[in-house]
Amino acid sequence: MNDTTAELTLDCRGTRCPLPVIELARRIGDVGVGAVIAVAADDPAAASDVPAWCRMRGHEHAGTATAPDGVAVYLVRRLT
């Protein structure tokens, strides 16, 4: 389970809290268990919101990457 290649990427640039997490919650079922969703978000609150959502919902925050344009990309592995 070390692979963090995203099966689905959500572009949440320009949206503010709580919209990136709402979009993640809405789309998590679009990937299979074990798959990774990448959430690109420029809202600073996403840095704490996405990991907190993962803890509350039983998914894994698999790390944070940086998009070519410098935006943070939060990697979430579906566990259930």
PDB file of N, CA and C in Angstrom:
ATOM      1  N   MET A   1       0.809  -1.207   0.000  1.00  0.00           N
ATOM      2  CA  MET A   1       0.000   0.000   0.000  1.00  0.00           C
ATOM      3  C   MET A   1       0.846   1.263   0.000  1.00  0.00           C
ATOM      4  N   ASN A   2       2.014   1.192  -0.545  1.00  0.00           N
ATOM      5  CA  ASN A   2       2.853   2.382  -0.593  1.00  0.00           C
ATOM      6  C   ASN A   2       2.578   3.226  -1.828  1.00  0.00           C
ATOM      7  N   ASP A   3       1.793   2.704  -2.767  1.00  0.00           N
ATOM      8  CA  ASP A   3       1.517   3.426  -4.000  1.00  0.00           C
ATOM      9  C   ASP A   3       0.546   4.569  -3.732  1.00  0.00           C
ATOM     10  N   THR A   4       0.953   5.778  -4.075  1.00  0.00           N
ATOM     11  CA  THR A   4       0.091   6.936  -3.873  1.00  0.00           C
ATOM     12  C   THR A   4      -0.286   7.582  -5.208  1.00  0.00           C
ATOM     13  N   THR A   5      -0.283   6.797  -6.279  1.00  0.00           N
ATOM     14  CA  THR A   5      -0.727   7.303  -7.566  1.00  0.00           C
ATOM     15  C   THR A   5      -2.241   7.461  -7.512  1.00  0.00           C
ATOM     16  N   ALA A   6      -2.700   8.651  -7.809  1.00  0.00           N
ATOM     17  CA  ALA A   6      -4.124   8.946  -7.690  1.00  0.00           C
ATOM     18  C   ALA A   6      -4.922   8.342  -8.838  1.00  0.00           C
ATOM     19  N   GLU A   7      -6.012   7.717  -8.477  1.00  0.00           N
ATOM     20  CA  GLU A   7      -6.965   7.204  -9.462  1.00  0.00           C
ATOM     21  C   GLU A   7      -7.911   8.320  -9.905  1.00  0.00           C
ATOM     22  N   LEU A   8      -8.119   9.288  -9.021  1.00  0.00           N
ATOM     23  CA  LEU A   8      -9.032  10.400  -9.281  1.00  0.00           C
ATOM     24  C   LEU A   8      -8.417  11.671  -8.714  1.00  0.00           C
ATOM     25  N   THR A   9      -8.473  12.758  -9.469  1.00  0.00           N
ATOM     26  CA  THR A   9      -7.982  14.051  -8.991  1.00  0.00           C
ATOM     27  C   THR A   9      -9.131  15.041  -8.941  1.00  0.00           C
ATOM     28  N   LEU A  10      -9.289  15.696  -7.804  1.00  0.00           N
ATOM     29  CA  LEU A  10     -10.304  16.726  -7.620  1.00  0.00           C
ATOM     30  C   LEU A  10      -9.619  18.081  -7.635  1.00  0.00           C
ATOM     31  N   ASP A  11     -10.022  18.949  -8.534  1.00  0.00           N
ATOM     32  CA  ASP A  11      -9.452  20.289  -8.609  1.00  0.00           C
ATOM     33  C   ASP A  11     -10.344  21.230  -7.804  1.00  0.00           C
ATOM     34  N   CYS A  12      -9.929  21.512  -6.587  1.00  0.00           N
ATOM     35  CA  CYS A  12     -10.695  22.373  -5.689  1.00  0.00           C
ATOM     36  C   CYS A  12     -10.048  23.744  -5.549  1.00  0.00           C
ATOM     37  N   ARG A  13      -9.196  24.101  -6.490  1.00  0.00           N
ATOM     38  CA  ARG A  13      -8.579  25.435  -6.475  1.00  0.00           C
ATOM     39  C   ARG A  13      -9.682  26.492  -6.506  1.00  0.00           C
ATOM     40  N   GLY A  14      -9.504  27.536  -5.723  1.00  0.00           N
ATOM     41  CA  GLY A  14     -10.456  28.632  -5.718  1.00  0.00           C
ATOM     42  C   GLY A  14     -11.668  28.428  -4.835  1.00  0.00           C
ATOM     43  N   THR A  15     -11.774  27.264  -4.200  1.00  0.00           N
ATOM     44  CA  THR A  15     -12.883  27.035  -3.271  1.00  0.00           C
ATOM     45  C   THR A  15     -12.391  27.172  -1.842  1.00  0.00           C
ATOM     46  N   ARG A  16     -13.253  27.513  -0.971  1.00  0.00           N
ATOM     47  CA  ARG A  16     -12.898  27.732   0.434  1.00  0.00           C
ATOM     48  C   ARG A  16     -13.578  26.707   1.323  1.00  0.00           C
ATOM     49  N   CYS A  17     -13.050  26.585   2.514  1.00  0.00           N
ATOM     50  CA  CYS A  17     -13.571  25.698   3.539  1.00  0.00           C
ATOM     51  C   CYS A  17     -15.076  25.942   3.682  1.00  0.00           C
ATOM     52  N   PRO A  18     -15.836  24.909   3.715  1.00  0.00           N
ATOM     53  CA  PRO A  18     -15.523  23.476   3.740  1.00  0.00           C
ATOM     54  C   PRO A  18     -15.631  22.781   2.387  1.00  0.00           C
ATOM     55  N   LEU A  19     -15.686  23.540   1.293  1.00  0.00           N
ATOM     56  CA  LEU A  19     -15.974  22.943  -0.018  1.00  0.00           C
ATOM     57  C   LEU A  19     -14.987  21.867  -0.474  1.00  0.00           C
ATOM     58  N   PRO A  20     -13.657  21.990  -0.277  1.00  0.00           N
ATOM     59  CA  PRO A  20     -12.788  20.877  -0.689  1.00  0.00           C
ATOM     60  C   PRO A  20     -13.131  19.561   0.012  1.00  0.00           C
ATOM     61  N   VAL A  21     -13.437  19.615   1.294  1.00  0.00           N
ATOM     62  CA  VAL A  21     -13.777  18.395   2.029  1.00  0.00           C
ATOM     63  C   VAL A  21     -15.153  17.875   1.610  1.00  0.00           C
ATOM     64  N   ILE A  22     -16.078  18.770   1.338  1.00  0.00           N
ATOM     65  CA  ILE A  22     -17.401  18.342   0.862  1.00  0.00           C
ATOM     66  C   ILE A  22     -17.269  17.621  -0.473  1.00  0.00           C
ATOM     67  N   GLU A  23     -16.455  18.156  -1.366  1.00  0.00           N
ATOM     68  CA  GLU A  23     -16.241  17.495  -2.660  1.00  0.00           C
ATOM     69  C   GLU A  23     -15.560  16.141  -2.473  1.00  0.00           C
ATOM     70  N   LEU A  24     -14.586  16.068  -1.585  1.00  0.00           N
ATOM     71  CA  LEU A  24     -13.934  14.791  -1.279  1.00  0.00           C
ATOM     72  C   LEU A  24     -14.950  13.782  -0.759  1.00  0.00           C
ATOM     73  N   ALA A  25     -15.789  14.193   0.171  1.00  0.00           N
ATOM     74  CA  ALA A  25     -16.801  13.294   0.739  1.00  0.00           C
ATOM     75  C   ALA A  25     -17.785  12.826  -0.339  1.00  0.00           C
ATOM     76  N   ARG A  26     -18.121  13.715  -1.224  1.00  0.00           N
ATOM     77  CA  ARG A  26     -19.066  13.388  -2.290  1.00  0.00           C
ATOM     78  C   ARG A  26     -18.486  12.391  -3.286  1.00  0.00           C
ATOM     79  N   ARG A  27     -17.171  12.454  -3.513  1.00  0.00           N
ATOM     80  CA  ARG A  27     -16.543  11.652  -4.560  1.00  0.00           C
ATOM     81  C   ARG A  27     -15.774  10.427  -4.071  1.00  0.00           C
ATOM     82  N   ILE A  28     -15.607  10.246  -2.756  1.00  0.00           N
ATOM     83  CA  ILE A  28     -14.805   9.122  -2.244  1.00  0.00           C
ATOM     84  C   ILE A  28     -15.340   7.775  -2.738  1.00  0.00           C
ATOM     85  N   GLY A  29     -16.636   7.678  -2.910  1.00  0.00           N
ATOM     86  CA  GLY A  29     -17.240   6.435  -3.386  1.00  0.00           C
ATOM     87  C   GLY A  29     -17.001   6.158  -4.862  1.00  0.00           C
ATOM     88  N   ASP A  30     -16.418   7.114  -5.577  1.00  0.00           N
ATOM     89  CA  ASP A  30     -16.137   6.926  -7.003  1.00  0.00           C
ATOM     90  C   ASP A  30     -14.900   6.075  -7.249  1.00  0.00           C
ATOM     91  N   VAL A  31     -14.138   5.787  -6.198  1.00  0.00           N
ATOM     92  CA  VAL A  31     -12.942   4.950  -6.336  1.00  0.00           C
ATOM     93  C   VAL A  31     -13.104   3.722  -5.447  1.00  0.00           C
ATOM     94  N   GLY A  32     -12.389   2.686  -5.778  1.00  0.00           N
ATOM     95  CA  GLY A  32     -12.457   1.465  -4.995  1.00  0.00           C
ATOM     96  C   GLY A  32     -11.660   1.563  -3.700  1.00  0.00           C
ATOM     97  N   VAL A  33     -11.941   0.634  -2.795  1.00  0.00           N
ATOM     98  CA  VAL A  33     -11.190   0.558  -1.546  1.00  0.00           C
ATOM     99  C   VAL A  33      -9.723   0.326  -1.890  1.00  0.00           C
ATOM    100  N   GLY A  34      -8.856   1.103  -1.274  1.00  0.00           N
ATOM    101  CA  GLY A  34      -7.419   1.028  -1.526  1.00  0.00           C
ATOM    102  C   GLY A  34      -6.924   2.040  -2.542  1.00  0.00           C
ATOM    103  N   ALA A  35      -7.832   2.645  -3.284  1.00  0.00           N
ATOM    104  CA  ALA A  35      -7.446   3.637  -4.287  1.00  0.00           C
ATOM    105  C   ALA A  35      -7.202   4.992  -3.634  1.00  0.00           C
ATOM    106  N   VAL A  36      -6.495   5.852  -4.358  1.00  0.00           N
ATOM    107  CA  VAL A  36      -6.127   7.175  -3.852  1.00  0.00           C
ATOM    108  C   VAL A  36      -6.841   8.256  -4.653  1.00  0.00           C
ATOM    109  N   ILE A  37      -7.352   9.247  -3.927  1.00  0.00           N
ATOM    110  CA  ILE A  37      -7.897  10.460  -4.525  1.00  0.00           C
ATOM    111  C   ILE A  37      -6.942  11.596  -4.191  1.00  0.00           C
ATOM    112  N   ALA A  38      -6.638  12.410  -5.184  1.00  0.00           N
ATOM    113  CA  ALA A  38      -5.818  13.607  -4.987  1.00  0.00           C
ATOM    114  C   ALA A  38      -6.749  14.814  -4.956  1.00  0.00           C
ATOM    115  N   VAL A  39      -6.572  15.653  -3.943  1.00  0.00           N
ATOM    116  CA  VAL A  39      -7.388  16.860  -3.803  1.00  0.00           C
ATOM    117  C   VAL A  39      -6.458  18.062  -3.896  1.00  0.00           C
ATOM    118  N   ALA A  40      -6.526  18.776  -5.018  1.00  0.00           N
ATOM    119  CA  ALA A  40      -5.732  19.989  -5.195  1.00  0.00           C
ATOM    120  C   ALA A  40      -6.525  21.153  -4.621  1.00  0.00           C
ATOM    121  N   ALA A  41      -5.974  21.799  -3.595  1.00  0.00           N
ATOM    122  CA  ALA A  41      -6.704  22.883  -2.922  1.00  0.00           C
ATOM    123  C   ALA A  41      -5.742  23.988  -2.517  1.00  0.00           C
ATOM    124  N   ASP A  42      -6.125  25.230  -2.818  1.00  0.00           N
ATOM    125  CA  ASP A  42      -5.294  26.372  -2.438  1.00  0.00           C
ATOM    126  C   ASP A  42      -5.806  27.076  -1.179  1.00  0.00           C
ATOM    127  N   ASP A  43      -6.844  26.539  -0.565  1.00  0.00           N
ATOM    128  CA  ASP A  43      -7.334  27.085   0.698  1.00  0.00           C
ATOM    129  C   ASP A  43      -6.425  26.575   1.819  1.00  0.00           C
ATOM    130  N   PRO A  44      -5.797  27.469   2.586  1.00  0.00           N
ATOM    131  CA  PRO A  44      -4.911  27.031   3.663  1.00  0.00           C
ATOM    132  C   PRO A  44      -5.587  26.115   4.681  1.00  0.00           C
ATOM    133  N   ALA A  45      -6.890  26.246   4.865  1.00  0.00           N
ATOM    134  CA  ALA A  45      -7.605  25.400   5.831  1.00  0.00           C
ATOM    135  C   ALA A  45      -7.597  23.934   5.423  1.00  0.00           C
ATOM    136  N   ALA A  46      -7.433  23.649   4.144  1.00  0.00           N
ATOM    137  CA  ALA A  46      -7.423  22.264   3.676  1.00  0.00           C
ATOM    138  C   ALA A  46      -6.282  21.463   4.300  1.00  0.00           C
ATOM    139  N   ALA A  47      -5.193  22.130   4.669  1.00  0.00           N
ATOM    140  CA  ALA A  47      -4.046  21.442   5.277  1.00  0.00           C
ATOM    141  C   ALA A  47      -4.419  20.738   6.568  1.00  0.00           C
ATOM    142  N   SER A  48      -5.380  21.263   7.287  1.00  0.00           N
ATOM    143  CA  SER A  48      -5.852  20.588   8.504  1.00  0.00           C
ATOM    144  C   SER A  48      -7.188  19.888   8.286  1.00  0.00           C
ATOM    145  N   ASP A  49      -8.021  20.426   7.395  1.00  0.00           N
ATOM    146  CA  ASP A  49      -9.350  19.848   7.166  1.00  0.00           C
ATOM    147  C   ASP A  49      -9.296  18.457   6.546  1.00  0.00           C
ATOM    148  N   VAL A  50      -8.453  18.265   5.541  1.00  0.00           N
ATOM    149  CA  VAL A  50      -8.407  16.974   4.850  1.00  0.00           C
ATOM    150  C   VAL A  50      -7.909  15.869   5.792  1.00  0.00           C
ATOM    151  N   PRO A  51      -6.785  16.040   6.497  1.00  0.00           N
ATOM    152  CA  PRO A  51      -6.371  14.989   7.434  1.00  0.00           C
ATOM    153  C   PRO A  51      -7.411  14.730   8.542  1.00  0.00           C
ATOM    154  N   ALA A  52      -8.058  15.790   9.027  1.00  0.00           N
ATOM    155  CA  ALA A  52      -9.079  15.615  10.066  1.00  0.00           C
ATOM    156  C   ALA A  52     -10.260  14.817   9.522  1.00  0.00           C
ATOM    157  N   TRP A  53     -10.675  15.114   8.301  1.00  0.00           N
ATOM    158  CA  TRP A  53     -11.772  14.376   7.681  1.00  0.00           C
ATOM    159  C   TRP A  53     -11.398  12.898   7.541  1.00  0.00           C
ATOM    160  N   CYS A  54     -10.158  12.635   7.135  1.00  0.00           N
ATOM    161  CA  CYS A  54      -9.697  11.249   7.005  1.00  0.00           C
ATOM    162  C   CYS A  54      -9.797  10.509   8.335  1.00  0.00           C
ATOM    163  N   ARG A  55      -9.342  11.139   9.410  1.00  0.00           N
ATOM    164  CA  ARG A  55      -9.411  10.507  10.735  1.00  0.00           C
ATOM    165  C   ARG A  55     -10.860  10.242  11.135  1.00  0.00           C
ATOM    166  N   MET A  56     -11.734  11.196  10.903  1.00  0.00           N
ATOM    167  CA  MET A  56     -13.134  11.053  11.313  1.00  0.00           C
ATOM    168  C   MET A  56     -13.885  10.026  10.479  1.00  0.00           C
ATOM    169  N   ARG A  57     -13.495   9.845   9.235  1.00  0.00           N
ATOM    170  CA  ARG A  57     -14.228   8.961   8.322  1.00  0.00           C
ATOM    171  C   ARG A  57     -13.546   7.615   8.087  1.00  0.00           C
ATOM    172  N   GLY A  58     -12.376   7.403   8.699  1.00  0.00           N
ATOM    173  CA  GLY A  58     -11.725   6.100   8.591  1.00  0.00           C
ATOM    174  C   GLY A  58     -10.951   5.884   7.300  1.00  0.00           C
ATOM    175  N   HIS A  59     -10.449   6.962   6.713  1.00  0.00           N
ATOM    176  CA  HIS A  59      -9.619   6.860   5.527  1.00  0.00           C
ATOM    177  C   HIS A  59      -8.200   7.308   5.876  1.00  0.00           C
ATOM    178  N   GLU A  60      -7.267   7.079   4.974  1.00  0.00           N
ATOM    179  CA  GLU A  60      -5.867   7.407   5.237  1.00  0.00           C
ATOM    180  C   GLU A  60      -5.453   8.685   4.515  1.00  0.00           C
ATOM    181  N   HIS A  61      -4.898   9.627   5.266  1.00  0.00           N
ATOM    182  CA  HIS A  61      -4.238  10.770   4.619  1.00  0.00           C
ATOM    183  C   HIS A  61      -2.870  10.245   4.217  1.00  0.00           C
ATOM    184  N   ALA A  62      -2.680  10.020   2.925  1.00  0.00           N
ATOM    185  CA  ALA A  62      -1.484   9.351   2.419  1.00  0.00           C
ATOM    186  C   ALA A  62      -0.349  10.312   2.105  1.00  0.00           C
ATOM    187  N   GLY A  63      -0.519  11.577   2.467  1.00  0.00           N
ATOM    188  CA  GLY A  63       0.548  12.539   2.262  1.00  0.00           C
ATOM    189  C   GLY A  63       0.088  13.752   1.499  1.00  0.00           C
ATOM    190  N   THR A  64       1.013  14.650   1.304  1.00  0.00           N
ATOM    191  CA  THR A  64       0.748  15.884   0.570  1.00  0.00           C
ATOM    192  C   THR A  64       1.839  16.066  -0.467  1.00  0.00           C
ATOM    193  N   ALA A  65       1.429  16.395  -1.665  1.00  0.00           N
ATOM    194  CA  ALA A  65       2.361  16.659  -2.760  1.00  0.00           C
ATOM    195  C   ALA A  65       2.162  18.110  -3.194  1.00  0.00           C
ATOM    196  N   THR A  66       2.917  18.518  -4.168  1.00  0.00           N
ATOM    197  CA  THR A  66       2.781  19.863  -4.714  1.00  0.00           C
ATOM    198  C   THR A  66       2.562  19.769  -6.216  1.00  0.00           C
ATOM    199  N   ALA A  67       1.510  20.405  -6.687  1.00  0.00           N
ATOM    200  CA  ALA A  67       1.214  20.453  -8.125  1.00  0.00           C
ATOM    201  C   ALA A  67       2.248  21.336  -8.815  1.00  0.00           C
ATOM    202  N   PRO A  68       2.402  21.216 -10.122  1.00  0.00           N
ATOM    203  CA  PRO A  68       3.355  22.049 -10.859  1.00  0.00           C
ATOM    204  C   PRO A  68       3.144  23.550 -10.646  1.00  0.00           C
ATOM    205  N   ASP A  69       1.916  23.957 -10.372  1.00  0.00           N
ATOM    206  CA  ASP A  69       1.650  25.382 -10.149  1.00  0.00           C
ATOM    207  C   ASP A  69       1.851  25.801  -8.696  1.00  0.00           C
ATOM    208  N   GLY A  70       2.356  24.878  -7.862  1.00  0.00           N
ATOM    209  CA  GLY A  70       2.655  25.194  -6.472  1.00  0.00           C
ATOM    210  C   GLY A  70       1.531  24.940  -5.496  1.00  0.00           C
ATOM    211  N   VAL A  71       0.379  24.512  -5.979  1.00  0.00           N
ATOM    212  CA  VAL A  71      -0.770  24.243  -5.113  1.00  0.00           C
ATOM    213  C   VAL A  71      -0.579  22.911  -4.400  1.00  0.00           C
ATOM    214  N   ALA A  72      -0.994  22.866  -3.138  1.00  0.00           N
ATOM    215  CA  ALA A  72      -0.920  21.630  -2.367  1.00  0.00           C
ATOM    216  C   ALA A  72      -1.916  20.615  -2.906  1.00  0.00           C
ATOM    217  N   VAL A  73      -1.478  19.350  -2.921  1.00  0.00           N
ATOM    218  CA  VAL A  73      -2.331  18.241  -3.365  1.00  0.00           C
ATOM    219  C   VAL A  73      -2.348  17.228  -2.231  1.00  0.00           C
ATOM    220  N   TYR A  74      -3.520  17.026  -1.642  1.00  0.00           N
ATOM    221  CA  TYR A  74      -3.687  16.128  -0.512  1.00  0.00           C
ATOM    222  C   TYR A  74      -4.097  14.767  -1.036  1.00  0.00           C
ATOM    223  N   LEU A  75      -3.379  13.730  -0.628  1.00  0.00           N
ATOM    224  CA  LEU A  75      -3.619  12.374  -1.097  1.00  0.00           C
ATOM    225  C   LEU A  75      -4.395  11.599  -0.045  1.00  0.00           C
ATOM    226  N   VAL A  76      -5.507  11.040  -0.468  1.00  0.00           N
ATOM    227  CA  VAL A  76      -6.402  10.328   0.451  1.00  0.00           C
ATOM    228  C   VAL A  76      -6.634   8.933  -0.086  1.00  0.00           C
ATOM    229  N   ARG A  77      -6.320   7.927   0.740  1.00  0.00           N
ATOM    230  CA  ARG A  77      -6.559   6.533   0.362  1.00  0.00           C
ATOM    231  C   ARG A  77      -7.877   6.072   0.990  1.00  0.00           C
ATOM    232  N   ARG A  78      -8.779   5.576   0.151  1.00  0.00           N
ATOM    233  CA  ARG A  78     -10.044   5.041   0.642  1.00  0.00           C
ATOM    234  C   ARG A  78      -9.787   3.720   1.343  1.00  0.00           C
ATOM    235  N   LEU A  79     -10.229   3.614   2.586  1.00  0.00           N
ATOM    236  CA  LEU A  79     -10.006   2.392   3.361  1.00  0.00           C
ATOM    237  C   LEU A  79     -11.280   1.599   3.615  1.00  0.00           C
ATOM    238  N   THR A  80     -12.427   2.224   3.468  1.00  0.00           N
ATOM    239  CA  THR A  80     -13.687   1.495   3.720  1.00  0.00           C
ATOM    240  C   THR A  80     -14.655   1.680   2.579  1.00  0.00           C
TER     241      THR A  80
END
